[in-house]
PDB file of N, CA and C in Angstrom:
ATOM      1  N   MET A   1     -66.469 -19.145  46.255  1.00  0.00           N
ATOM      2  CA  MET A   1     -67.207 -20.290  45.781  1.00  0.00           C
ATOM      3  C   MET A   1     -66.393 -21.548  46.127  1.00  0.00           C
ATOM      4  N   PRO A   2     -66.990 -22.563  46.804  1.00  0.00           N
ATOM      5  CA  PRO A   2     -66.263 -23.785  47.120  1.00  0.00           C
ATOM      6  C   PRO A   2     -65.752 -24.469  45.841  1.00  0.00           C
ATOM      7  N   SER A   3     -64.688 -25.223  45.977  1.00  0.00           N
ATOM      8  CA  SER A   3     -64.031 -25.840  44.824  1.00  0.00           C
ATOM      9  C   SER A   3     -64.982 -26.696  44.000  1.00  0.00           C
ATOM     10  N   SER A   4     -65.798 -27.548  44.641  1.00  0.00           N
ATOM     11  CA  SER A   4     -66.691 -28.423  43.871  1.00  0.00           C
ATOM     12  C   SER A   4     -67.714 -27.600  43.078  1.00  0.00           C
ATOM     13  N   HIS A   5     -68.204 -26.514  43.655  1.00  0.00           N
ATOM     14  CA  HIS A   5     -69.145 -25.659  42.932  1.00  0.00           C
ATOM     15  C   HIS A   5     -68.437 -24.957  41.794  1.00  0.00           C
ATOM     16  N   ARG A   6     -67.193 -24.570  42.007  1.00  0.00           N
ATOM     17  CA  ARG A   6     -66.418 -23.920  40.943  1.00  0.00           C
ATOM     18  C   ARG A   6     -66.215 -24.858  39.766  1.00  0.00           C
ATOM     19  N   ILE A   7     -65.822 -26.091  40.067  1.00  0.00           N
ATOM     20  CA  ILE A   7     -65.605 -27.092  38.993  1.00  0.00           C
ATOM     21  C   ILE A   7     -66.894 -27.337  38.238  1.00  0.00           C
ATOM     22  N   GLN A   8     -68.028 -27.452  38.961  1.00  0.00           N
ATOM     23  CA  GLN A   8     -69.321 -27.642  38.302  1.00  0.00           C
ATOM     24  C   GLN A   8     -69.636 -26.497  37.369  1.00  0.00           C
ATOM     25  N   SER A   9     -69.368 -25.286  37.826  1.00  0.00           N
ATOM     26  CA  SER A   9     -69.634 -24.107  37.008  1.00  0.00           C
ATOM     27  C   SER A   9     -68.704 -24.091  35.771  1.00  0.00           C
ATOM     28  N   LEU A  10     -67.436 -24.420  35.972  1.00  0.00           N
ATOM     29  CA  LEU A  10     -66.484 -24.438  34.865  1.00  0.00           C
ATOM     30  C   LEU A  10     -66.852 -25.541  33.854  1.00  0.00           C
ATOM     31  N   ARG A  11     -67.293 -26.690  34.378  1.00  0.00           N
ATOM     32  CA  ARG A  11     -67.695 -27.786  33.472  1.00  0.00           C
ATOM     33  C   ARG A  11     -68.882 -27.348  32.633  1.00  0.00           C
ATOM     34  N   ARG A  12     -69.855 -26.696  33.257  1.00  0.00           N
ATOM     35  CA  ARG A  12     -71.049 -26.226  32.539  1.00  0.00           C
ATOM     36  C   ARG A  12     -70.635 -25.199  31.462  1.00  0.00           C
ATOM     37  N   GLN A  13     -69.759 -24.268  31.822  1.00  0.00           N
ATOM     38  CA  GLN A  13     -69.300 -23.272  30.866  1.00  0.00           C
ATOM     39  C   GLN A  13     -68.549 -23.896  29.703  1.00  0.00           C
ATOM     40  N   ALA A  14     -67.679 -24.869  30.016  1.00  0.00           N
ATOM     41  CA  ALA A  14     -66.936 -25.568  28.948  1.00  0.00           C
ATOM     42  C   ALA A  14     -67.892 -26.337  28.056  1.00  0.00           C
ATOM     43  N   HIS A  15     -68.900 -26.974  28.633  1.00  0.00           N
ATOM     44  CA  HIS A  15     -69.907 -27.705  27.867  1.00  0.00           C
ATOM     45  C   HIS A  15     -70.596 -26.764  26.873  1.00  0.00           C
ATOM     46  N   GLU A  16     -70.972 -25.599  27.344  1.00  0.00           N
ATOM     47  CA  GLU A  16     -71.629 -24.600  26.480  1.00  0.00           C
ATOM     48  C   GLU A  16     -70.659 -24.112  25.405  1.00  0.00           C
ATOM     49  N   ARG A  17     -69.435 -23.804  25.785  1.00  0.00           N
ATOM     50  CA  ARG A  17     -68.419 -23.289  24.851  1.00  0.00           C
ATOM     51  C   ARG A  17     -68.157 -24.287  23.730  1.00  0.00           C
ATOM     52  N   GLN A  18     -68.221 -25.575  24.065  1.00  0.00           N
ATOM     53  CA  GLN A  18     -67.938 -26.639  23.089  1.00  0.00           C
ATOM     54  C   GLN A  18     -69.204 -27.196  22.451  1.00  0.00           C
ATOM     55  N   ALA A  19     -70.315 -26.490  22.584  1.00  0.00           N
ATOM     56  CA  ALA A  19     -71.589 -26.881  21.998  1.00  0.00           C
ATOM     57  C   ALA A  19     -71.991 -28.306  22.407  1.00  0.00           C
ATOM     58  N   GLY A  20     -71.661 -28.687  23.647  1.00  0.00           N
ATOM     59  CA  GLY A  20     -72.062 -29.987  24.172  1.00  0.00           C
ATOM     60  C   GLY A  20     -71.281 -31.156  23.643  1.00  0.00           C
ATOM     61  N   ARG A  21     -70.140 -30.881  22.973  1.00  0.00           N
ATOM     62  CA  ARG A  21     -69.322 -31.937  22.377  1.00  0.00           C
ATOM     63  C   ARG A  21     -68.055 -32.162  23.182  1.00  0.00           C
ATOM     64  N   CYS A  22     -67.620 -33.426  23.242  1.00  0.00           N
ATOM     65  CA  CYS A  22     -66.398 -33.788  23.948  1.00  0.00           C
ATOM     66  C   CYS A  22     -65.179 -33.155  23.303  1.00  0.00           C
ATOM     67  N   TYR A  23     -64.301 -32.639  24.126  1.00  0.00           N
ATOM     68  CA  TYR A  23     -63.079 -32.008  23.642  1.00  0.00           C
ATOM     69  C   TYR A  23     -62.222 -32.991  22.842  1.00  0.00           C
ATOM     70  N   TYR A  24     -62.220 -34.255  23.207  1.00  0.00           N
ATOM     71  CA  TYR A  24     -61.353 -35.256  22.569  1.00  0.00           C
ATOM     72  C   TYR A  24     -62.008 -35.929  21.369  1.00  0.00           C
ATOM     73  N   CYS A  25     -63.218 -36.452  21.537  1.00  0.00           N
ATOM     74  CA  CYS A  25     -63.825 -37.268  20.486  1.00  0.00           C
ATOM     75  C   CYS A  25     -64.894 -36.574  19.703  1.00  0.00           C
ATOM     76  N   GLY A  26     -65.413 -35.437  20.207  1.00  0.00           N
ATOM     77  CA  GLY A  26     -66.464 -34.700  19.506  1.00  0.00           C
ATOM     78  C   GLY A  26     -67.858 -35.261  19.673  1.00  0.00           C
ATOM     79  N   VAL A  27     -68.026 -36.266  20.513  1.00  0.00           N
ATOM     80  CA  VAL A  27     -69.341 -36.887  20.709  1.00  0.00           C
ATOM     81  C   VAL A  27     -70.203 -35.976  21.583  1.00  0.00           C
ATOM     82  N   ARG A  28     -71.500 -35.970  21.291  1.00  0.00           N
ATOM     83  CA  ARG A  28     -72.442 -35.216  22.099  1.00  0.00           C
ATOM     84  C   ARG A  28     -72.532 -35.814  23.479  1.00  0.00           C
ATOM     85  N   MET A  29     -72.480 -34.975  24.512  1.00  0.00           N
ATOM     86  CA  MET A  29     -72.493 -35.423  25.898  1.00  0.00           C
ATOM     87  C   MET A  29     -73.746 -34.911  26.589  1.00  0.00           C
ATOM     88  N   TRP A  30     -74.065 -35.514  27.732  1.00  0.00           N
ATOM     89  CA  TRP A  30     -75.149 -34.994  28.564  1.00  0.00           C
ATOM     90  C   TRP A  30     -74.545 -34.344  29.792  1.00  0.00           C
ATOM     91  N   LEU A  31     -75.223 -33.301  30.263  1.00  0.00           N
ATOM     92  CA  LEU A  31     -74.740 -32.540  31.383  1.00  0.00           C
ATOM     93  C   LEU A  31     -75.570 -32.773  32.646  1.00  0.00           C
ATOM     94  N   ALA A  32     -76.879 -32.690  32.554  1.00  0.00           N
ATOM     95  CA  ALA A  32     -77.744 -32.808  33.732  1.00  0.00           C
ATOM     96  C   ALA A  32     -78.424 -34.167  33.850  1.00  0.00           C
ATOM     97  N   SER A  33     -78.746 -34.792  32.726  1.00  0.00           N
ATOM     98  CA  SER A  33     -79.489 -36.037  32.748  1.00  0.00           C
ATOM     99  C   SER A  33     -79.206 -36.872  31.491  1.00  0.00           C
ATOM    100  N   PRO A  34     -79.089 -38.188  31.643  1.00  0.00           N
ATOM    101  CA  PRO A  34     -78.886 -39.045  30.455  1.00  0.00           C
ATOM    102  C   PRO A  34     -80.015 -38.899  29.433  1.00  0.00           C
ATOM    103  N   GLU A  35     -81.160 -38.426  29.873  1.00  0.00           N
ATOM    104  CA  GLU A  35     -82.305 -38.257  28.954  1.00  0.00           C
ATOM    105  C   GLU A  35     -82.045 -37.162  27.913  1.00  0.00           C
ATOM    106  N   GLU A  36     -80.976 -36.396  28.076  1.00  0.00           N
ATOM    107  CA  GLU A  36     -80.594 -35.393  27.089  1.00  0.00           C
ATOM    108  C   GLU A  36     -80.165 -36.067  25.783  1.00  0.00           C
ATOM    109  N   LEU A  37     -79.845 -37.369  25.844  1.00  0.00           N
ATOM    110  CA  LEU A  37     -79.405 -38.134  24.664  1.00  0.00           C
ATOM    111  C   LEU A  37     -80.412 -39.227  24.372  1.00  0.00           C
ATOM    112  N   PRO A  38     -81.476 -38.919  23.630  1.00  0.00           N
ATOM    113  CA  PRO A  38     -82.499 -39.925  23.352  1.00  0.00           C
ATOM    114  C   PRO A  38     -81.942 -41.085  22.530  1.00  0.00           C
ATOM    115  N   GLY A  39     -82.418 -42.277  22.828  1.00  0.00           N
ATOM    116  CA  GLY A  39     -82.025 -43.451  22.067  1.00  0.00           C
ATOM    117  C   GLY A  39     -80.868 -44.242  22.638  1.00  0.00           C
ATOM    118  N   VAL A  40     -80.210 -43.721  23.666  1.00  0.00           N
ATOM    119  CA  VAL A  40     -79.085 -44.434  24.258  1.00  0.00           C
ATOM    120  C   VAL A  40     -79.634 -45.702  24.914  1.00  0.00           C
ATOM    121  N   PRO A  41     -78.997 -46.858  24.648  1.00  0.00           N
ATOM    122  CA  PRO A  41     -79.580 -48.134  25.057  1.00  0.00           C
ATOM    123  C   PRO A  41     -79.749 -48.361  26.564  1.00  0.00           C
ATOM    124  N   THR A  42     -78.831 -47.929  27.395  1.00  0.00           N
ATOM    125  CA  THR A  42     -78.932 -48.168  28.849  1.00  0.00           C
ATOM    126  C   THR A  42     -78.331 -46.976  29.585  1.00  0.00           C
ATOM    127  N   ILE A  43     -78.642 -46.898  30.874  1.00  0.00           N
ATOM    128  CA  ILE A  43     -78.063 -45.845  31.731  1.00  0.00           C
ATOM    129  C   ILE A  43     -76.533 -46.037  31.822  1.00  0.00           C
ATOM    130  N   ALA A  44     -76.092 -47.294  31.918  1.00  0.00           N
ATOM    131  CA  ALA A  44     -74.645 -47.550  31.981  1.00  0.00           C
ATOM    132  C   ALA A  44     -73.956 -47.041  30.711  1.00  0.00           C
ATOM    133  N   ALA A  45     -74.598 -47.242  29.569  1.00  0.00           N
ATOM    134  CA  ALA A  45     -74.044 -46.758  28.314  1.00  0.00           C
ATOM    135  C   ALA A  45     -74.035 -45.226  28.310  1.00  0.00           C
ATOM    136  N   ALA A  46     -75.136 -44.630  28.762  1.00  0.00           N
ATOM    137  CA  ALA A  46     -75.233 -43.174  28.795  1.00  0.00           C
ATOM    138  C   ALA A  46     -74.157 -42.560  29.716  1.00  0.00           C
ATOM    139  N   ASN A  47     -73.820 -43.249  30.771  1.00  0.00           N
ATOM    140  CA  ASN A  47     -72.830 -42.734  31.703  1.00  0.00           C
ATOM    141  C   ASN A  47     -71.472 -42.528  31.054  1.00  0.00           C
ATOM    142  N   LYS A  48     -71.165 -43.281  30.019  1.00  0.00           N
ATOM    143  CA  LYS A  48     -69.897 -43.069  29.297  1.00  0.00           C
ATOM    144  C   LYS A  48     -69.887 -41.751  28.549  1.00  0.00           C
ATOM    145  N   LEU A  49     -71.070 -41.188  28.333  1.00  0.00           N
ATOM    146  CA  LEU A  49     -71.176 -39.909  27.618  1.00  0.00           C
ATOM    147  C   LEU A  49     -71.525 -38.756  28.558  1.00  0.00           C
ATOM    148  N   ARG A  50     -71.359 -38.973  29.855  1.00  0.00           N
ATOM    149  CA  ARG A  50     -71.563 -37.921  30.869  1.00  0.00           C
ATOM    150  C   ARG A  50     -70.450 -36.881  30.719  1.00  0.00           C
ATOM    151  N   CYS A  51     -70.791 -35.624  30.798  1.00  0.00           N
ATOM    152  CA  CYS A  51     -69.815 -34.547  30.702  1.00  0.00           C
ATOM    153  C   CYS A  51     -68.990 -34.466  31.975  1.00  0.00           C
ATOM    154  N   THR A  52     -67.676 -34.459  31.838  1.00  0.00           N
ATOM    155  CA  THR A  52     -66.760 -34.282  32.963  1.00  0.00           C
ATOM    156  C   THR A  52     -65.887 -33.076  32.703  1.00  0.00           C
ATOM    157  N   ALA A  53     -65.304 -32.560  33.762  1.00  0.00           N
ATOM    158  CA  ALA A  53     -64.357 -31.449  33.647  1.00  0.00           C
ATOM    159  C   ALA A  53     -62.949 -32.014  33.539  1.00  0.00           C
ATOM    160  N   GLU A  54     -62.275 -31.725  32.462  1.00  0.00           N
ATOM    161  CA  GLU A  54     -60.936 -32.228  32.195  1.00  0.00           C
ATOM    162  C   GLU A  54     -59.939 -31.077  32.325  1.00  0.00           C
ATOM    163  N   HIS A  55     -58.967 -31.235  33.238  1.00  0.00           N
ATOM    164  CA  HIS A  55     -57.903 -30.248  33.367  1.00  0.00           C
ATOM    165  C   HIS A  55     -56.889 -30.489  32.251  1.00  0.00           C
ATOM    166  N   LEU A  56     -56.702 -29.512  31.389  1.00  0.00           N
ATOM    167  CA  LEU A  56     -55.739 -29.663  30.298  1.00  0.00           C
ATOM    168  C   LEU A  56     -54.320 -29.710  30.819  1.00  0.00           C
ATOM    169  N   VAL A  57     -54.039 -28.891  31.830  1.00  0.00           N
ATOM    170  CA  VAL A  57     -52.784 -28.986  32.592  1.00  0.00           C
ATOM    171  C   VAL A  57     -53.201 -29.478  33.981  1.00  0.00           C
ATOM    172  N   ALA A  58     -52.758 -30.648  34.345  1.00  0.00           N
ATOM    173  CA  ALA A  58     -53.162 -31.269  35.598  1.00  0.00           C
ATOM    174  C   ALA A  58     -52.845 -30.372  36.795  1.00  0.00           C
ATOM    175  N   ARG A  59     -53.684 -30.465  37.799  1.00  0.00           N
ATOM    176  CA  ARG A  59     -53.439 -29.695  39.030  1.00  0.00           C
ATOM    177  C   ARG A  59     -52.078 -30.055  39.620  1.00  0.00           C
ATOM    178  N   ALA A  60     -51.722 -31.345  39.528  1.00  0.00           N
ATOM    179  CA  ALA A  60     -50.450 -31.806  40.078  1.00  0.00           C
ATOM    180  C   ALA A  60     -49.251 -31.151  39.349  1.00  0.00           C
ATOM    181  N   GLU A  61     -49.504 -30.640  38.153  1.00  0.00           N
ATOM    182  CA  GLU A  61     -48.460 -30.003  37.362  1.00  0.00           C
ATOM    183  C   GLU A  61     -48.618 -28.487  37.355  1.00  0.00           C
ATOM    184  N   GLY A  62     -49.407 -27.978  38.285  1.00  0.00           N
ATOM    185  CA  GLY A  62     -49.574 -26.536  38.403  1.00  0.00           C
ATOM    186  C   GLY A  62     -50.801 -25.977  37.697  1.00  0.00           C
ATOM    187  N   GLY A  63     -51.624 -26.852  37.082  1.00  0.00           N
ATOM    188  CA  GLY A  63     -52.832 -26.398  36.411  1.00  0.00           C
ATOM    189  C   GLY A  63     -53.834 -25.877  37.412  1.00  0.00           C
ATOM    190  N   ARG A  64     -54.601 -24.907  37.001  1.00  0.00           N
ATOM    191  CA  ARG A  64     -55.537 -24.269  37.907  1.00  0.00           C
ATOM    192  C   ARG A  64     -56.971 -24.533  37.463  1.00  0.00           C
ATOM    193  N   ASP A  65     -57.892 -24.258  38.355  1.00  0.00           N
ATOM    194  CA  ASP A  65     -59.312 -24.380  38.072  1.00  0.00           C
ATOM    195  C   ASP A  65     -59.781 -23.080  37.407  1.00  0.00           C
ATOM    196  N   THR A  66     -59.442 -22.946  36.127  1.00  0.00           N
ATOM    197  CA  THR A  66     -59.862 -21.772  35.355  1.00  0.00           C
ATOM    198  C   THR A  66     -60.503 -22.242  34.068  1.00  0.00           C
ATOM    199  N   LEU A  67     -61.334 -21.398  33.490  1.00  0.00           N
ATOM    200  CA  LEU A  67     -62.027 -21.767  32.272  1.00  0.00           C
ATOM    201  C   LEU A  67     -61.048 -22.101  31.146  1.00  0.00           C
ATOM    202  N   GLU A  68     -59.927 -21.428  31.113  1.00  0.00           N
ATOM    203  CA  GLU A  68     -58.919 -21.700  30.072  1.00  0.00           C
ATOM    204  C   GLU A  68     -58.277 -23.075  30.231  1.00  0.00           C
ATOM    205  N   ASN A  69     -58.281 -23.598  31.442  1.00  0.00           N
ATOM    206  CA  ASN A  69     -57.641 -24.879  31.715  1.00  0.00           C
ATOM    207  C   ASN A  69     -58.619 -26.035  31.811  1.00  0.00           C
ATOM    208  N   ILE A  70     -59.910 -25.761  31.736  1.00  0.00           N
ATOM    209  CA  ILE A  70     -60.928 -26.806  31.838  1.00  0.00           C
ATOM    210  C   ILE A  70     -61.570 -27.009  30.476  1.00  0.00           C
ATOM    211  N   ALA A  71     -61.613 -28.260  30.052  1.00  0.00           N
ATOM    212  CA  ALA A  71     -62.334 -28.649  28.860  1.00  0.00           C
ATOM    213  C   ALA A  71     -63.427 -29.625  29.282  1.00  0.00           C
ATOM    214  N   ALA A  72     -64.512 -29.662  28.544  1.00  0.00           N
ATOM    215  CA  ALA A  72     -65.553 -30.650  28.770  1.00  0.00           C
ATOM    216  C   ALA A  72     -65.192 -31.908  27.990  1.00  0.00           C
ATOM    217  N   ALA A  73     -65.117 -33.030  28.680  1.00  0.00           N
ATOM    218  CA  ALA A  73     -64.781 -34.299  28.046  1.00  0.00           C
ATOM    219  C   ALA A  73     -65.767 -35.367  28.491  1.00  0.00           C
ATOM    220  N   CYS A  74     -66.128 -36.257  27.594  1.00  0.00           N
ATOM    221  CA  CYS A  74     -67.019 -37.363  27.999  1.00  0.00           C
ATOM    222  C   CYS A  74     -66.258 -38.253  28.975  1.00  0.00           C
ATOM    223  N   ALA A  75     -67.023 -38.908  29.835  1.00  0.00           N
ATOM    224  CA  ALA A  75     -66.426 -39.750  30.874  1.00  0.00           C
ATOM    225  C   ALA A  75     -65.518 -40.816  30.259  1.00  0.00           C
ATOM    226  N   HIS A  76     -65.907 -41.368  29.107  1.00  0.00           N
ATOM    227  CA  HIS A  76     -65.088 -42.410  28.466  1.00  0.00           C
ATOM    228  C   HIS A  76     -63.717 -41.879  28.099  1.00  0.00           C
ATOM    229  N   CYS A  77     -63.646 -40.729  27.442  1.00  0.00           N
ATOM    230  CA  CYS A  77     -62.353 -40.171  27.032  1.00  0.00           C
ATOM    231  C   CYS A  77     -61.534 -39.770  28.262  1.00  0.00           C
ATOM    232  N   ASN A  78     -62.159 -39.113  29.213  1.00  0.00           N
ATOM    233  CA  ASN A  78     -61.450 -38.643  30.397  1.00  0.00           C
ATOM    234  C   ASN A  78     -60.853 -39.842  31.167  1.00  0.00           C
ATOM    235  N   HIS A  79     -61.665 -40.835  31.446  1.00  0.00           N
ATOM    236  CA  HIS A  79     -61.198 -41.974  32.216  1.00  0.00           C
ATOM    237  C   HIS A  79     -60.178 -42.804  31.463  1.00  0.00           C
ATOM    238  N   THR A  80     -60.396 -42.984  30.157  1.00  0.00           N
ATOM    239  CA  THR A  80     -59.447 -43.776  29.367  1.00  0.00           C
ATOM    240  C   THR A  80     -58.077 -43.104  29.333  1.00  0.00           C
ATOM    241  N   ARG A  81     -58.064 -41.802  29.181  1.00  0.00           N
ATOM    242  CA  ARG A  81     -56.789 -41.064  29.169  1.00  0.00           C
ATOM    243  C   ARG A  81     -56.044 -41.237  30.500  1.00  0.00           C
ATOM    244  N   HIS A  82     -56.776 -41.116  31.581  1.00  0.00           N
ATOM    245  CA  HIS A  82     -56.114 -41.118  32.888  1.00  0.00           C
ATOM    246  C   HIS A  82     -55.870 -42.515  33.448  1.00  0.00           C
ATOM    247  N   LYS A  83     -56.382 -43.539  32.795  1.00  0.00           N
ATOM    248  CA  LYS A  83     -56.052 -44.919  33.203  1.00  0.00           C
ATOM    249  C   LYS A  83     -54.650 -45.304  32.740  1.00  0.00           C
ATOM    250  N   ARG A  84     -54.125 -44.575  31.789  1.00  0.00           N
ATOM    251  CA  ARG A  84     -52.794 -44.881  31.254  1.00  0.00           C
ATOM    252  C   ARG A  84     -51.709 -44.540  32.279  1.00  0.00           C
ATOM    253  N   LYS A  85     -50.655 -45.321  32.248  1.00  0.00           N
ATOM    254  CA  LYS A  85     -49.547 -45.067  33.164  1.00  0.00           C
ATOM    255  C   LYS A  85     -49.000 -43.656  32.995  1.00  0.00           C
ATOM    256  N   ARG A  86     -48.843 -43.250  31.746  1.00  0.00           N
ATOM    257  CA  ARG A  86     -48.410 -41.886  31.400  1.00  0.00           C
ATOM    258  C   ARG A  86     -49.428 -41.278  30.469  1.00  0.00           C
ATOM    259  N   PRO A  87     -50.395 -40.570  30.998  1.00  0.00           N
ATOM    260  CA  PRO A  87     -51.409 -39.978  30.121  1.00  0.00           C
ATOM    261  C   PRO A  87     -50.767 -39.054  29.076  1.00  0.00           C
ATOM    262  N   PRO A  88     -51.195 -39.194  27.824  1.00  0.00           N
ATOM    263  CA  PRO A  88     -50.652 -38.303  26.782  1.00  0.00           C
ATOM    264  C   PRO A  88     -51.095 -36.879  26.960  1.00  0.00           C
ATOM    265  N   GLU A  89     -50.354 -35.984  26.351  1.00  0.00           N
ATOM    266  CA  GLU A  89     -50.748 -34.570  26.345  1.00  0.00           C
ATOM    267  C   GLU A  89     -52.111 -34.455  25.638  1.00  0.00           C
ATOM    268  N   PRO A  90     -52.932 -33.471  26.018  1.00  0.00           N
ATOM    269  CA  PRO A  90     -54.271 -33.352  25.438  1.00  0.00           C
ATOM    270  C   PRO A  90     -54.280 -33.324  23.912  1.00  0.00           C
ATOM    271  N   ALA A  91     -53.406 -32.580  23.275  1.00  0.00           N
ATOM    272  CA  ALA A  91     -53.433 -32.480  21.808  1.00  0.00           C
ATOM    273  C   ALA A  91     -53.100 -33.817  21.161  1.00  0.00           C
ATOM    274  N   ALA A  92     -52.138 -34.559  21.696  1.00  0.00           N
ATOM    275  CA  ALA A  92     -51.761 -35.858  21.156  1.00  0.00           C
ATOM    276  C   ALA A  92     -52.912 -36.856  21.354  1.00  0.00           C
ATOM    277  N   TYR A  93     -53.536 -36.810  22.512  1.00  0.00           N
ATOM    278  CA  TYR A  93     -54.658 -37.703  22.801  1.00  0.00           C
ATOM    279  C   TYR A  93     -55.824 -37.412  21.868  1.00  0.00           C
ATOM    280  N   GLN A  94     -56.106 -36.125  21.661  1.00  0.00           N
ATOM    281  CA  GLN A  94     -57.196 -35.725  20.768  1.00  0.00           C
ATOM    282  C   GLN A  94     -56.956 -36.236  19.368  1.00  0.00           C
ATOM    283  N   THR A  95     -55.717 -36.159  18.877  1.00  0.00           N
ATOM    284  CA  THR A  95     -55.374 -36.663  17.551  1.00  0.00           C
ATOM    285  C   THR A  95     -55.605 -38.173  17.468  1.00  0.00           C
ATOM    286  N   GLU A  96     -55.138 -38.895  18.481  1.00  0.00           N
ATOM    287  CA  GLU A  96     -55.310 -40.358  18.507  1.00  0.00           C
ATOM    288  C   GLU A  96     -56.783 -40.747  18.534  1.00  0.00           C
ATOM    289  N   VAL A  97     -57.562 -40.098  19.388  1.00  0.00           N
ATOM    290  CA  VAL A  97     -58.985 -40.397  19.526  1.00  0.00           C
ATOM    291  C   VAL A  97     -59.709 -40.101  18.214  1.00  0.00           C
ATOM    292  N   ASN A  98     -59.413 -38.940  17.602  1.00  0.00           N
ATOM    293  CA  ASN A  98     -60.078 -38.594  16.344  1.00  0.00           C
ATOM    294  C   ASN A  98     -59.738 -39.548  15.209  1.00  0.00           C
ATOM    295  N   ARG A  99     -58.535 -40.036  15.194  1.00  0.00           N
ATOM    296  CA  ARG A  99     -58.138 -41.034  14.176  1.00  0.00           C
ATOM    297  C   ARG A  99     -59.004 -42.284  14.318  1.00  0.00           C
ATOM    298  N   ARG A 100     -59.200 -42.731  15.542  1.00  0.00           N
ATOM    299  CA  ARG A 100     -60.023 -43.913  15.788  1.00  0.00           C
ATOM    300  C   ARG A 100     -61.488 -43.637  15.519  1.00  0.00           C
ATOM    301  N   MET A 101     -61.968 -42.443  15.840  1.00  0.00           N
ATOM    302  CA  MET A 101     -63.355 -42.075  15.577  1.00  0.00           C
ATOM    303  C   MET A 101     -63.637 -42.084  14.062  1.00  0.00           C
ATOM    304  N   ARG A 102     -62.731 -41.564  13.282  1.00  0.00           N
ATOM    305  CA  ARG A 102     -62.923 -41.517  11.814  1.00  0.00           C
ATOM    306  C   ARG A 102     -63.062 -42.909  11.235  1.00  0.00           C
ATOM    307  N   ARG A 103     -62.463 -43.894  11.878  1.00  0.00           N
ATOM    308  CA  ARG A 103     -62.556 -45.291  11.424  1.00  0.00           C
ATOM    309  C   ARG A 103     -63.794 -45.984  11.995  1.00  0.00           C
ATOM    310  N   GLY A 104     -64.625 -45.239  12.747  1.00  0.00           N
ATOM    311  CA  GLY A 104     -65.844 -45.826  13.310  1.00  0.00           C
ATOM    312  C   GLY A 104     -65.597 -46.549  14.615  1.00  0.00           C
ATOM    313  N   GLY A 105     -64.473 -46.298  15.248  1.00  0.00           N
ATOM    314  CA  GLY A 105     -64.140 -46.955  16.505  1.00  0.00           C
ATOM    315  C   GLY A 105     -64.233 -46.019  17.678  1.00  0.00           C
ATOM    316  N   TRP A 106     -63.518 -46.362  18.725  1.00  0.00           N
ATOM    317  CA  TRP A 106     -63.370 -45.643  19.976  1.00  0.00           C
ATOM    318  C   TRP A 106     -64.583 -45.827  20.881  1.00  0.00           C
ATOM    319  N   HIS A 107     -65.753 -45.419  20.402  1.00  0.00           N
ATOM    320  CA  HIS A 107     -66.999 -45.601  21.164  1.00  0.00           C
ATOM    321  C   HIS A 107     -67.716 -46.819  20.572  1.00  0.00           C
ATOM    322  N   HIS A 108     -68.707 -47.317  21.295  1.00  0.00           N
ATOM    323  CA  HIS A 108     -69.533 -48.425  20.788  1.00  0.00           C
ATOM    324  C   HIS A 108     -70.249 -47.976  19.510  1.00  0.00           C
ATOM    325  N   ARG A 109     -70.616 -48.952  18.728  1.00  0.00           N
ATOM    326  CA  ARG A 109     -71.254 -48.703  17.432  1.00  0.00           C
ATOM    327  C   ARG A 109     -72.512 -47.831  17.574  1.00  0.00           C
ATOM    328  N   TRP A 110     -73.293 -48.020  18.661  1.00  0.00           N
ATOM    329  CA  TRP A 110     -74.549 -47.258  18.806  1.00  0.00           C
ATOM    330  C   TRP A 110     -74.287 -45.755  18.878  1.00  0.00           C
ATOM    331  N   VAL A 111     -73.129 -45.333  19.375  1.00  0.00           N
ATOM    332  CA  VAL A 111     -72.805 -43.899  19.422  1.00  0.00           C
ATOM    333  C   VAL A 111     -72.778 -43.349  17.990  1.00  0.00           C
ATOM    334  N   HIS A 112     -72.162 -44.073  17.107  1.00  0.00           N
ATOM    335  CA  HIS A 112     -72.073 -43.655  15.696  1.00  0.00           C
ATOM    336  C   HIS A 112     -73.461 -43.776  15.015  1.00  0.00           C
ATOM    337  N   GLU A 113     -74.152 -44.874  15.305  1.00  0.00           N
ATOM    338  CA  GLU A 113     -75.468 -45.111  14.683  1.00  0.00           C
ATOM    339  C   GLU A 113     -76.504 -44.065  15.088  1.00  0.00           C
ATOM    340  N   LEU A 114     -76.410 -43.568  16.335  1.00  0.00           N
ATOM    341  CA  LEU A 114     -77.375 -42.553  16.810  1.00  0.00           C
ATOM    342  C   LEU A 114     -76.990 -41.142  16.327  1.00  0.00           C
ATOM    343  N   GLY A 115     -75.889 -41.028  15.628  1.00  0.00           N
ATOM    344  CA  GLY A 115     -75.461 -39.722  15.125  1.00  0.00           C
ATOM    345  C   GLY A 115     -74.911 -38.811  16.187  1.00  0.00           C
ATOM    346  N   LEU A 116     -74.412 -39.376  17.274  1.00  0.00           N
ATOM    347  CA  LEU A 116     -73.867 -38.565  18.353  1.00  0.00           C
ATOM    348  C   LEU A 116     -72.429 -38.140  18.090  1.00  0.00           C
ATOM    349  N   ALA A 117     -71.789 -38.753  17.106  1.00  0.00           N
ATOM    350  CA  ALA A 117     -70.393 -38.441  16.771  1.00  0.00           C
ATOM    351  C   ALA A 117     -70.352 -37.222  15.833  1.00  0.00           C
ATOM    352  N   SER A 118     -69.355 -36.402  16.014  1.00  0.00           N
ATOM    353  CA  SER A 118     -69.142 -35.222  15.190  1.00  0.00           C
ATOM    354  C   SER A 118     -67.798 -35.353  14.508  1.00  0.00           C
ATOM    355  N   TRP A 119     -67.739 -35.144  13.219  1.00  0.00           N
ATOM    356  CA  TRP A 119     -66.467 -35.287  12.506  1.00  0.00           C
ATOM    357  C   TRP A 119     -65.732 -33.948  12.467  1.00  0.00           C
ATOM    358  N   ARG A 120     -64.439 -34.009  12.763  1.00  0.00           N
ATOM    359  CA  ARG A 120     -63.606 -32.799  12.770  1.00  0.00           C
ATOM    360  C   ARG A 120     -62.767 -32.738  11.555  1.00  0.00           C
TER     361      ARG A 120
END
């Protein structure tokens, strides 16, 4: 199976394993179409909740394309983590994101208002 097809398959499996929730923030994500999340104000807003494949151990650090190493993460969490000069370890990042989510932050208010957030 070509690498891009493998990643797509692993992302789909991780999405199912996590009941459609982001590994970091617990927000409901869409996999095939933004229409999976009714009420989202714009396509640009919905794109922040697109399901991405997140390598828990980066490929550059020896991580592999395996189900155990792939988590489903919303585009916002994935991109925000990797924009940092030194991305935090997944568990530390998850703790930080959840702390902010519990205070009603991290995502735009509409994410919380639409009930897309899940409390851990």
